[in-house]
């Protein structure tokens, strides 16, 4: 008999494979998509368009797509808006890091 932890681990492994394959498929269709960058709505990092998905008004990078889809599957969030609320601290942290790096560049 499998337990809930085993089920969750299998869900995570399966989802990782699917989301990674999406990125590979995008690169196969358009090799430039690996180098075309955008600012992810969830993590605020500049990430490749390959493997990204547009959810409503938000475009998520491949890593955040994985987090969002897992959060949905594991009933941690109900929709993209709730996910965006839960990832606000991550975005703010990334933006603060960007500002710090920018200031360092200005001082050199």
Protein backbone atom coordinates (compact mmCIF):
# COMPACT_ATOMS: atom_id res chain seq x y z
CA UNK A 1 0.00 0.00 0.00
CA UNK A 2 1.38 3.42 -0.95
CA UNK A 3 1.19 6.28 1.43
CA UNK A 4 0.40 9.91 0.81
CA UNK A 5 4.10 10.87 0.82
CA UNK A 6 4.84 8.31 -1.91
CA UNK A 7 1.91 9.61 -3.96
CA UNK A 8 3.13 13.21 -3.66
CA UNK A 9 6.68 12.23 -4.60
CA UNK A 10 5.40 10.41 -7.69
CA UNK A 11 3.25 13.40 -8.65
CA UNK A 12 6.31 15.66 -8.34
CA UNK A 13 8.52 13.34 -10.42
CA UNK A 14 5.88 12.97 -13.12
CA UNK A 15 5.23 16.71 -13.25
CA UNK A 16 8.95 17.50 -13.45
CA UNK A 17 9.28 15.27 -16.49
CA UNK A 18 6.24 16.79 -18.23
CA UNK A 19 7.30 20.39 -17.60
CA UNK A 20 10.90 19.70 -18.66
CA UNK A 21 9.64 18.05 -21.85
CA UNK A 22 7.57 21.16 -22.62
CA UNK A 23 10.77 23.19 -22.57
CA UNK A 24 12.57 20.71 -24.82
CA UNK A 25 9.62 20.71 -27.23
CA UNK A 26 9.65 24.52 -27.40
CA UNK A 27 13.39 24.50 -28.13
CA UNK A 28 12.91 21.86 -30.83
CA UNK A 29 10.16 23.95 -32.47
CA UNK A 30 12.11 27.19 -32.16
CA UNK A 31 15.78 26.91 -31.12
CA UNK A 32 15.89 30.67 -30.48
CA UNK A 33 13.33 30.30 -27.68
CA UNK A 34 16.15 29.07 -25.43
CA UNK A 35 17.82 32.49 -25.78
CA UNK A 36 14.80 34.79 -25.99
CA UNK A 37 14.29 36.16 -22.49
CA UNK A 38 11.39 37.67 -20.59
CA UNK A 39 10.72 38.70 -16.98
CA UNK A 40 8.77 35.95 -15.24
CA UNK A 41 5.63 37.24 -13.54
CA UNK A 42 6.11 34.90 -10.57
CA UNK A 43 9.83 34.93 -9.76
CA UNK A 44 10.72 38.25 -11.48
CA UNK A 45 13.83 36.65 -13.00
CA UNK A 46 14.84 37.12 -16.61
CA UNK A 47 14.21 33.64 -18.03
CA UNK A 48 14.06 31.88 -21.41
CA UNK A 49 10.73 31.88 -23.21
CA UNK A 50 11.19 28.13 -23.86
CA UNK A 51 8.90 26.17 -21.59
CA UNK A 52 7.07 29.25 -20.35
CA UNK A 53 3.29 29.46 -20.25
CA UNK A 54 0.89 32.38 -20.28
CA UNK A 55 -1.76 32.04 -17.55
CA UNK A 56 -4.29 34.84 -17.83
CA UNK A 57 -2.23 38.04 -17.62
CA UNK A 58 0.83 36.29 -16.15
CA UNK A 59 3.68 34.62 -18.05
CA UNK A 60 5.56 32.08 -15.94
CA UNK A 61 9.00 30.65 -16.64
CA UNK A 62 9.45 26.90 -16.88
CA UNK A 63 10.52 26.65 -13.21
CA UNK A 64 7.50 28.61 -12.02
CA UNK A 65 5.18 26.64 -14.33
CA UNK A 66 6.37 23.56 -12.45
CA UNK A 67 5.75 25.19 -9.07
CA UNK A 68 2.31 26.43 -10.12
CA UNK A 69 1.18 23.15 -11.66
CA UNK A 70 2.38 21.24 -8.59
CA UNK A 71 0.64 23.69 -6.28
CA UNK A 72 -2.58 23.14 -8.24
CA UNK A 73 -2.22 19.36 -8.30
CA UNK A 74 -1.44 19.21 -4.56
CA UNK A 75 -4.30 21.61 -3.74
CA UNK A 76 -2.00 24.31 -2.35
CA UNK A 77 -3.60 26.98 -4.58
CA UNK A 78 -6.89 27.24 -6.45
CA UNK A 79 -5.86 29.56 -9.31
CA UNK A 80 -3.11 31.71 -10.77
CA UNK A 81 -4.08 34.76 -8.70
CA UNK A 82 -3.64 32.81 -5.47
CA UNK A 83 -0.28 31.48 -6.70
CA UNK A 84 0.84 35.01 -7.52
CA UNK A 85 -0.09 36.15 -4.00
CA UNK A 86 1.88 33.28 -2.48
CA UNK A 87 4.97 34.07 -4.58
CA UNK A 88 5.02 37.79 -3.79
CA UNK A 89 7.93 37.48 -1.33
CA UNK A 90 9.98 35.62 -3.94
CA UNK A 91 9.39 38.42 -6.48
CA UNK A 92 10.24 41.15 -4.00
CA UNK A 93 13.43 39.38 -3.00
CA UNK A 94 14.50 39.06 -6.63
CA UNK A 95 13.71 42.71 -7.32
CA UNK A 96 15.75 43.76 -4.27
CA UNK A 97 18.67 41.66 -5.52
CA UNK A 98 18.38 43.30 -8.94
CA UNK A 99 18.47 46.77 -7.36
CA UNK A 100 21.50 45.84 -5.25
CA UNK A 101 23.36 44.50 -8.29
CA UNK A 102 22.47 47.61 -10.28
CA UNK A 103 23.82 49.86 -7.51
CA UNK A 104 27.04 47.83 -7.39
CA UNK A 105 27.47 48.32 -11.14
CA UNK A 106 26.95 52.07 -10.75
CA UNK A 107 29.60 52.28 -8.02
CA UNK A 108 32.27 50.53 -10.09
